[in-house]
Amino acid sequence: MSIGKTQKELNNQIMKNFTLGIILVFLAFSLTAQYVTVTGDELDWNDPDTWVSGQVPNPGPGGAQNLRTITISPGSSVILDGDLTFLANLELFVAGSLSINNLKGNNNLQVEVAQGGVFTVKGDISYRNNTRIIVDGLLFADSILVTTGGSNATGCIGGSGSIRSNDHDGTAPWVAENIVIPCPGMENPFPEIALAYPGMTYASTTEDIQLYWSTNKEEDSAFFTVQRSGDNNKWLPVGNLMEAAGASADYAFTDPYPLEGDSWYRLKLTDVNGKFSFSPENLEVSWTSEDLNFQVQKTPGTWTIRFPVSGQYLVEAYTIHGRRIVMNQVEQTLSIPAPDSALLIRVANDKDRTASRVVM
C-alpha cells in the first residue's frame, strides 16, 4: 500500500487550497471595503470611478432609466468628500453611517435612515420634484429644501428618529414650507404642540400685538418660534420664546411691529433633539395703529386727508388704474383736488408702519 498521495488526490488538494484562497481574499476585501472614502468635488455616484476600486456600496438591480439603489449596510461607514448627485429616481438606504457634503437631485428622491443609522449631510438636501425622507435613525443637515422646478415640487418627512442641524445645538435644520410633515399615513416624527383651548389668542393696542397661548403638556421641549405671514402662505420668524420646562405652562409674546391690516401668526415648537412641529391652526389678526387710522373729508372741489395724531407721514394717492397723483410728506393734514373717481390712499409713518384703503 502506497503511503504517498496519488496525482488525483494532489490535484484535488490543490483545487481546495485555491478555492480557500479565493474565499479568504474575498473575505479580506469585504472587511476592508466596510469603510469607503471618496474624494473629489461635484461627484456623481453613478460613476463607479468616483468610488474606491469602483465599488458603489451594494448597488441595486437595474430598472427604469436612472433608477439606482444605494444601501449602506449595518456596520458599514462611507465618507464622500463631495456632493452626491443624481438625475432621477435615487433610493438611498442608510443602516450604517454615511457622510457627504450635499445631496443634490432632480426628481424622485427616496431616503430612508434605519434605526441605528446615521446620515450626515454637511450642507443641504436639495431636489426639484417629489421626495420622501423617512428617518428612524439620525439625520444631520443644514436644510431640506425644494429648489425651483416643476409643478410637483413637494416632498414629505416622516419617521420616529431625529433630524438635527449640523450645529448640534438641539435645533432643527431649515425645512421648506411646501414639505409635508409628516408623510401621509405616517407618524409625525416631530413633537406635537398640545395647546389648551382655545389655542393661540391675541390682544391689540395702538402700538403692538400681544399673543397668548397655553400648553396642556410639554416633554423635552426647547423653545417656541413665533412666525408671521402677510398672506397665510409665506412665513417669517418674528421672535423666540424659551420653553418653561414644566408639564404645562402659559406664554405671552409681544410683536412690537405688527403688519397693518390682516396678518396671520403660528407657532413652531422645537424640542431638545431638534425635532419641530407647527401649531395646528393659524391665528388671523387684523390690526391698525391709531395714528394711521386716517380720515378723508370731502368738499365739492377738495379732499382733505387728516390724521388723528400729529406726526410724520408719507401720503401717496393712486388712481384705480395705478397712476400716482400725490406723494407728500405731511404732519397731520393734506388737501388735494377732488378726483374724478376712487383713489387708493396709502400712508406710512416714521415707525415704518403702513396702511392703505380705497376711498370712493
Protein backbone atom coordinates (compact mmCIF):
# COMPACT_ATOMS: atom_id res chain seq x y z
CA MET A 1 0.00 0.00 0.00
CA SER A 2 1.45 3.33 -1.01
CA ILE A 3 1.82 5.98 1.68
CA GLY A 4 2.08 8.75 -0.88
CA LYS A 5 -0.83 10.63 -2.49
CA THR A 6 -1.97 9.85 -5.98
CA GLN A 7 -1.88 12.55 -8.63
CA LYS A 8 -5.66 12.79 -8.47
CA GLU A 9 -5.54 13.38 -4.73
CA LEU A 10 -2.85 16.02 -5.18
CA ASN A 11 -4.94 17.79 -7.81
CA ASN A 12 -7.96 17.77 -5.50
CA GLN A 13 -5.89 19.21 -2.68
CA ILE A 14 -4.53 21.98 -4.93
CA MET A 15 -8.10 22.86 -6.03
CA LYS A 16 -9.28 23.01 -2.40
CA ASN A 17 -6.36 25.27 -1.45
CA PHE A 18 -7.07 27.53 -4.42
CA THR A 19 -10.78 27.79 -3.55
CA LEU A 20 -9.96 28.52 0.07
CA GLY A 21 -7.54 31.24 -1.01
CA ILE A 22 -10.20 32.86 -3.17
CA ILE A 23 -12.65 32.82 -0.25
CA LEU A 24 -10.07 34.35 2.10
CA VAL A 25 -9.24 37.09 -0.41
CA PHE A 26 -12.95 37.83 -0.84
CA LEU A 27 -13.48 37.98 2.91
CA ALA A 28 -10.46 40.23 3.36
CA PHE A 29 -11.70 42.58 0.66
CA SER A 30 -15.19 42.57 2.16
CA LEU A 31 -13.85 43.52 5.56
CA THR A 32 -11.63 46.30 4.24
CA ALA A 33 -14.44 47.53 1.98
CA GLN A 34 -16.64 48.18 5.00
CA TYR A 35 -15.06 51.65 5.15
CA VAL A 36 -15.02 53.56 1.89
CA THR A 37 -13.59 57.06 1.48
CA VAL A 38 -14.08 59.02 -1.71
CA THR A 39 -12.55 62.40 -2.51
CA GLY A 40 -13.45 64.98 -5.11
CA ASP A 41 -15.91 67.75 -5.92
CA GLU A 42 -19.37 67.50 -7.51
CA LEU A 43 -19.12 63.71 -7.65
CA ASP A 44 -21.77 61.68 -9.46
CA TRP A 45 -22.42 58.44 -7.60
CA ASN A 46 -23.49 56.85 -10.90
CA ASP A 47 -19.85 56.93 -11.98
CA PRO A 48 -18.07 53.92 -10.37
CA ASP A 49 -14.72 55.65 -10.88
CA THR A 50 -15.60 58.06 -8.09
CA TRP A 51 -15.62 55.20 -5.58
CA VAL A 52 -12.70 53.21 -4.21
CA SER A 53 -11.97 50.31 -6.60
CA GLY A 54 -15.14 51.22 -8.46
CA GLN A 55 -17.26 49.67 -5.71
CA VAL A 56 -20.50 51.58 -5.26
CA PRO A 57 -21.90 50.27 -1.94
CA ASN A 58 -24.38 47.49 -2.74
CA PRO A 59 -25.81 48.90 -5.98
CA GLY A 60 -29.37 47.82 -6.58
CA PRO A 61 -30.73 46.00 -9.61
CA GLY A 62 -31.25 47.84 -12.86
CA GLY A 63 -34.68 49.13 -13.73
CA ALA A 64 -36.08 52.26 -15.25
CA GLN A 65 -33.56 54.72 -16.60
CA ASN A 66 -31.51 56.32 -13.81
CA LEU A 67 -33.11 54.06 -11.18
CA ARG A 68 -30.42 53.20 -8.68
CA THR A 69 -30.34 51.99 -5.10
CA ILE A 70 -27.52 52.66 -2.63
CA THR A 71 -27.52 50.69 0.60
CA ILE A 72 -25.13 51.45 3.44
CA SER A 73 -25.29 48.21 5.41
CA PRO A 74 -25.24 47.99 9.23
CA GLY A 75 -21.66 48.36 10.43
CA SER A 76 -20.54 50.00 7.18
CA SER A 77 -19.23 53.55 7.11
CA VAL A 78 -18.97 55.59 3.91
CA ILE A 79 -17.43 59.07 3.66
CA LEU A 80 -17.82 61.03 0.45
CA ASP A 81 -15.83 64.28 0.46
CA GLY A 82 -18.02 65.74 -2.23
CA ASP A 83 -21.63 66.02 -3.33
CA LEU A 84 -23.86 63.03 -4.02
CA THR A 85 -25.76 63.96 -7.19
CA PHE A 86 -28.40 62.19 -9.22
CA LEU A 87 -30.69 62.90 -12.15
CA ALA A 88 -33.78 60.92 -11.16
CA ASN A 89 -35.08 58.01 -9.10
CA LEU A 90 -32.49 57.61 -6.34
CA GLU A 91 -33.22 55.23 -3.47
CA LEU A 92 -30.80 55.71 -0.58
CA PHE A 93 -31.00 53.36 2.41
CA VAL A 94 -28.68 54.11 5.34
CA ALA A 95 -28.45 51.43 8.02
CA GLY A 96 -24.81 52.15 8.79
CA SER A 97 -23.08 55.54 8.57
CA LEU A 98 -22.93 57.85 5.55
CA SER A 99 -21.34 61.30 5.44
CA ILE A 100 -21.46 63.57 2.37
CA ASN A 101 -21.20 67.27 1.62
CA ASN A 102 -24.54 67.86 -0.15
CA LEU A 103 -27.29 65.71 -1.60
CA LYS A 104 -28.45 67.16 -4.91
CA GLY A 105 -31.15 65.74 -7.11
CA ASN A 106 -33.75 66.38 -9.75
CA ASN A 107 -36.72 64.02 -9.41
CA ASN A 108 -37.97 61.23 -7.14
CA LEU A 109 -35.63 61.08 -4.16
CA GLN A 110 -36.28 58.33 -1.60
CA VAL A 111 -34.18 58.44 1.58
CA GLU A 112 -34.55 56.07 4.49
CA VAL A 113 -32.38 56.15 7.61
CA ALA A 114 -32.94 52.96 9.59
CA GLN A 115 -32.82 52.65 13.38
CA GLY A 116 -29.15 52.86 14.34
CA GLY A 117 -28.27 54.52 11.05
CA VAL A 118 -26.60 57.95 10.87
CA PHE A 119 -26.77 60.09 7.74
CA THR A 120 -24.72 63.31 7.87
CA VAL A 121 -25.21 65.91 5.15
CA LYS A 122 -22.72 68.70 5.87
CA GLY A 123 -24.71 71.10 3.70
CA ASP A 124 -28.14 70.83 2.10
CA ILE A 125 -30.52 68.21 0.81
CA SER A 126 -31.99 69.79 -2.32
CA TYR A 127 -34.15 68.46 -5.12
CA ARG A 128 -36.72 69.70 -7.62
CA ASN A 129 -39.69 67.34 -7.59
CA ASN A 130 -41.05 64.66 -5.27
CA THR A 131 -39.09 63.42 -2.30
CA ARG A 132 -39.76 61.17 0.68
CA ILE A 133 -37.39 61.21 3.65
CA ILE A 134 -38.05 58.64 6.39
CA VAL A 135 -35.80 58.90 9.45
CA ASP A 136 -35.94 56.23 12.12
CA GLY A 137 -32.30 56.81 12.99
CA LEU A 138 -30.41 60.12 12.94
CA LEU A 139 -30.09 62.69 10.15
CA PHE A 140 -27.93 65.84 10.23
CA ALA A 141 -28.37 68.60 7.63
CA ASP A 142 -28.29 72.38 7.28
CA SER A 143 -31.51 72.50 5.27
CA ILE A 144 -34.01 70.36 3.40
CA LEU A 145 -35.35 72.42 0.55
CA VAL A 146 -37.18 72.32 -2.74
CA THR A 147 -35.38 74.22 -5.48
CA THR A 148 -37.26 75.91 -8.29
CA GLY A 149 -38.67 73.30 -10.59
CA GLY A 150 -41.77 71.63 -11.85
CA SER A 151 -45.33 71.76 -10.66
CA ASN A 152 -44.86 68.80 -8.29
CA ALA A 153 -42.12 70.48 -6.26
CA THR A 154 -43.21 68.91 -2.99
CA GLY A 155 -41.99 66.34 -0.52
CA CYS A 156 -42.61 64.85 2.90
CA ILE A 157 -40.68 63.88 6.02
CA GLY A 158 -41.68 61.15 8.46
CA GLY A 159 -40.34 58.61 10.89
CA SER A 160 -39.62 58.10 14.57
CA GLY A 161 -35.97 59.20 14.58
CA SER A 162 -34.42 62.64 14.90
CA ILE A 163 -33.44 65.32 12.38
CA ARG A 164 -30.97 67.93 13.62
CA SER A 165 -28.89 70.79 12.30
CA ASN A 166 -25.15 70.43 11.95
CA ASP A 167 -24.66 72.89 14.81
CA HIS A 168 -25.50 70.07 17.25
CA ASP A 169 -27.23 72.65 19.44
CA GLY A 170 -30.62 70.96 19.57
CA THR A 171 -32.14 72.97 16.74
CA ALA A 172 -33.63 71.59 13.55
CA PRO A 173 -32.44 72.30 10.01
CA TRP A 174 -34.34 74.77 7.88
CA VAL A 175 -37.15 72.99 6.03
CA ALA A 176 -39.05 74.36 3.05
CA GLU A 177 -42.67 75.27 3.78
CA ASN A 178 -44.08 73.07 1.00
CA ILE A 179 -42.68 69.90 2.55
CA VAL A 180 -45.41 67.91 4.29
CA ILE A 181 -44.75 66.82 7.89
CA PRO A 182 -45.48 64.00 8.42
CA CYS A 183 -45.76 61.94 5.24
CA PRO A 184 -49.36 60.81 4.68
CA GLY A 185 -50.25 57.81 6.80
CA MET A 186 -47.10 58.06 8.92
CA GLU A 187 -46.41 59.01 12.48
CA ASN A 188 -45.39 62.64 12.92
CA PRO A 189 -41.66 62.49 13.72
CA PHE A 190 -41.79 65.90 15.36
CA PRO A 191 -43.30 66.82 18.75
CA GLU A 192 -46.93 67.84 18.88
CA ILE A 193 -47.84 71.26 20.22
CA ALA A 194 -50.56 70.41 22.72
CA LEU A 195 -52.23 73.82 23.07
CA ALA A 196 -55.02 74.34 25.58
CA TYR A 197 -58.37 75.55 24.26
CA PRO A 198 -58.92 77.94 22.51
CA GLY A 199 -55.37 77.81 21.16
CA MET A 200 -53.43 80.99 20.43
CA THR A 201 -55.27 84.26 21.12
CA TYR A 202 -54.29 87.93 20.87
CA ALA A 203 -54.92 91.41 22.17
CA SER A 204 -54.03 94.58 20.29
CA THR A 205 -53.05 98.08 21.25
CA THR A 206 -52.26 101.04 19.04
CA GLU A 207 -48.58 100.06 19.29
CA ASP A 208 -48.35 96.26 19.18
CA ILE A 209 -49.95 92.82 19.05
CA GLN A 210 -49.82 90.63 22.18
CA LEU A 211 -50.09 86.86 21.63
CA TYR A 212 -51.11 84.36 24.31
CA TRP A 213 -51.21 80.57 24.46
CA SER A 214 -51.11 77.74 26.98
CA THR A 215 -49.85 74.17 26.71
CA ASN A 216 -51.53 71.06 28.08
CA LYS A 217 -48.32 69.06 28.22
CA GLU A 218 -44.65 69.58 27.47
CA GLU A 219 -41.98 66.94 27.04
CA ASP A 220 -38.34 67.71 26.14
CA SER A 221 -39.39 70.98 24.53
CA ALA A 222 -36.71 73.63 23.94
CA PHE A 223 -38.24 76.81 22.53
CA PHE A 224 -41.08 78.35 20.54
CA THR A 225 -40.56 80.38 17.39
CA VAL A 226 -43.36 82.85 16.59
CA GLN A 227 -43.86 83.16 12.83
CA ARG A 228 -45.90 85.77 10.97
CA SER A 229 -47.33 85.92 7.46
CA GLY A 230 -48.99 88.61 5.41
CA ASP A 231 -50.74 86.11 3.13
CA ASN A 232 -51.14 82.96 5.28
CA ASN A 233 -48.63 81.28 2.97
CA LYS A 234 -45.10 82.69 3.29
CA TRP A 235 -43.83 82.80 6.88
CA LEU A 236 -41.06 84.72 8.61
CA PRO A 237 -39.90 84.43 12.24
CA VAL A 238 -40.56 87.43 14.48
CA GLY A 239 -39.10 86.11 17.74
CA ASN A 240 -38.30 83.17 20.02
CA LEU A 241 -39.51 82.18 23.48
CA MET A 242 -37.83 79.57 25.67
CA GLU A 243 -39.98 76.69 26.85
CA ALA A 244 -40.98 76.91 30.53
CA ALA A 245 -39.80 73.35 31.36
CA GLY A 246 -43.00 72.25 33.05
CA ALA A 247 -45.83 69.81 32.48
CA SER A 248 -47.92 72.76 31.23
CA ALA A 249 -47.34 76.48 31.01
CA ASP A 250 -48.77 79.85 29.96
CA TYR A 251 -46.99 82.03 27.42
CA ALA A 252 -47.16 85.64 26.24
CA PHE A 253 -45.32 87.23 23.33
CA THR A 254 -45.39 90.81 22.02
CA ASP A 255 -44.90 91.69 18.38
CA PRO A 256 -43.82 95.36 18.52
CA TYR A 257 -44.03 95.81 14.74
CA PRO A 258 -47.24 94.14 13.54
CA LEU A 259 -48.39 94.35 9.95
CA GLU A 260 -51.05 96.88 9.13
CA GLY A 261 -54.31 95.22 8.14
CA ASP A 262 -54.76 91.44 8.09
CA SER A 263 -51.96 89.06 9.05
CA TRP A 264 -51.52 85.55 10.47
CA TYR A 265 -49.43 84.03 13.26
CA ARG A 266 -48.38 80.47 14.00
CA LEU A 267 -46.06 78.68 16.44
CA LYS A 268 -43.11 76.45 15.68
CA LEU A 269 -42.02 74.26 18.62
CA THR A 270 -38.51 72.80 18.60
CA ASP A 271 -37.52 70.13 21.13
CA VAL A 272 -34.14 69.27 22.66
CA ASN A 273 -33.44 66.74 19.89
CA GLY A 274 -34.05 69.24 17.11
CA LYS A 275 -37.49 67.90 16.16
CA PHE A 276 -40.11 70.52 15.44
CA SER A 277 -43.77 70.96 14.60
CA PHE A 278 -46.21 73.78 13.91
CA SER A 279 -49.36 74.83 15.75
CA PRO A 280 -52.41 73.05 14.28
CA GLU A 281 -54.22 76.31 13.43
CA ASN A 282 -53.01 79.71 12.24
CA LEU A 283 -54.26 82.80 14.09
CA GLU A 284 -55.73 85.57 11.92
CA VAL A 285 -55.20 89.11 13.21
CA SER A 286 -56.49 92.46 11.98
CA TRP A 287 -54.56 95.45 13.28
CA THR A 288 -54.47 99.19 12.63
CA SER A 289 -52.47 101.64 14.68
CA GLU A 290 -54.50 104.66 15.88
CA ASP A 291 -52.23 107.21 14.25
CA LEU A 292 -52.70 105.53 10.83
CA ASN A 293 -56.48 105.45 11.07
CA PHE A 294 -56.77 108.46 8.75
CA GLN A 295 -59.98 110.23 7.74
CA VAL A 296 -60.93 111.78 4.40
CA GLN A 297 -63.13 114.88 4.44
CA LYS A 298 -64.73 115.74 1.09
CA THR A 299 -65.93 119.04 -0.37
CA PRO A 300 -67.03 119.63 -3.98
CA GLY A 301 -63.53 120.73 -5.04
CA THR A 302 -61.19 119.30 -2.36
CA TRP A 303 -60.40 116.12 -0.43
CA THR A 304 -58.59 116.59 2.92
CA ILE A 305 -56.68 113.64 4.42
CA ARG A 306 -56.48 114.08 8.19
CA PHE A 307 -54.63 112.07 10.85
CA PRO A 308 -55.86 111.97 14.50
CA VAL A 309 -52.30 112.24 15.87
CA SER A 310 -49.72 114.75 14.69
CA GLY A 311 -46.56 113.14 13.35
CA GLN A 312 -44.50 112.50 10.24
CA TYR A 313 -46.49 110.80 7.45
CA LEU A 314 -45.80 109.92 3.84
CA VAL A 315 -49.04 110.08 1.86
CA GLU A 316 -49.46 108.57 -1.60
CA ALA A 317 -52.62 108.51 -3.70
CA TYR A 318 -53.19 106.40 -6.83
CA THR A 319 -55.98 106.25 -9.36
CA ILE A 320 -57.75 102.93 -9.84
CA HIS A 321 -55.59 102.50 -12.95
CA GLY A 322 -52.39 102.70 -10.89
CA ARG A 323 -51.28 106.24 -11.75
CA ARG A 324 -49.81 108.08 -8.77
CA ILE A 325 -51.18 111.60 -8.43
CA VAL A 326 -49.94 112.53 -4.93
CA MET A 327 -46.80 111.88 -2.89
CA ASN A 328 -46.23 114.26 0.03
CA GLN A 329 -44.71 114.37 3.50
CA VAL A 330 -47.22 115.86 5.99
CA GLU A 331 -47.60 116.33 9.74
CA GLN A 332 -51.36 115.95 10.14
CA THR A 333 -53.40 117.10 7.11
CA LEU A 334 -53.10 117.13 3.35
CA SER A 335 -55.55 118.67 0.87
CA ILE A 336 -55.73 117.52 -2.73
CA PRO A 337 -58.03 118.40 -5.68
CA ALA A 338 -61.15 116.25 -5.66
CA PRO A 339 -60.52 113.32 -8.05
CA ASP A 340 -62.86 112.17 -10.82
CA SER A 341 -63.12 108.64 -9.39
CA ALA A 342 -61.94 106.44 -6.48
CA LEU A 343 -58.43 106.68 -5.07
CA LEU A 344 -56.15 104.20 -3.35
CA ILE A 345 -54.62 106.14 -0.48
CA ARG A 346 -51.51 104.73 1.14
CA VAL A 347 -49.83 106.23 4.21
CA ALA A 348 -46.69 105.40 6.19
CA ASN A 349 -45.36 106.81 9.45
CA ASP A 350 -41.87 107.20 10.87
CA LYS A 351 -42.16 103.75 12.52
CA ASP A 352 -42.28 102.12 9.08
CA ARG A 353 -45.90 101.12 9.54
CA THR A 354 -48.20 101.43 6.56
CA ALA A 355 -51.92 101.46 5.88
CA SER A 356 -53.96 101.73 2.71
CA ARG A 357 -57.57 101.73 1.61
CA VAL A 358 -59.69 102.66 -1.38
CA VAL A 359 -61.75 105.83 -0.92
CA MET A 360 -64.73 106.33 -3.23
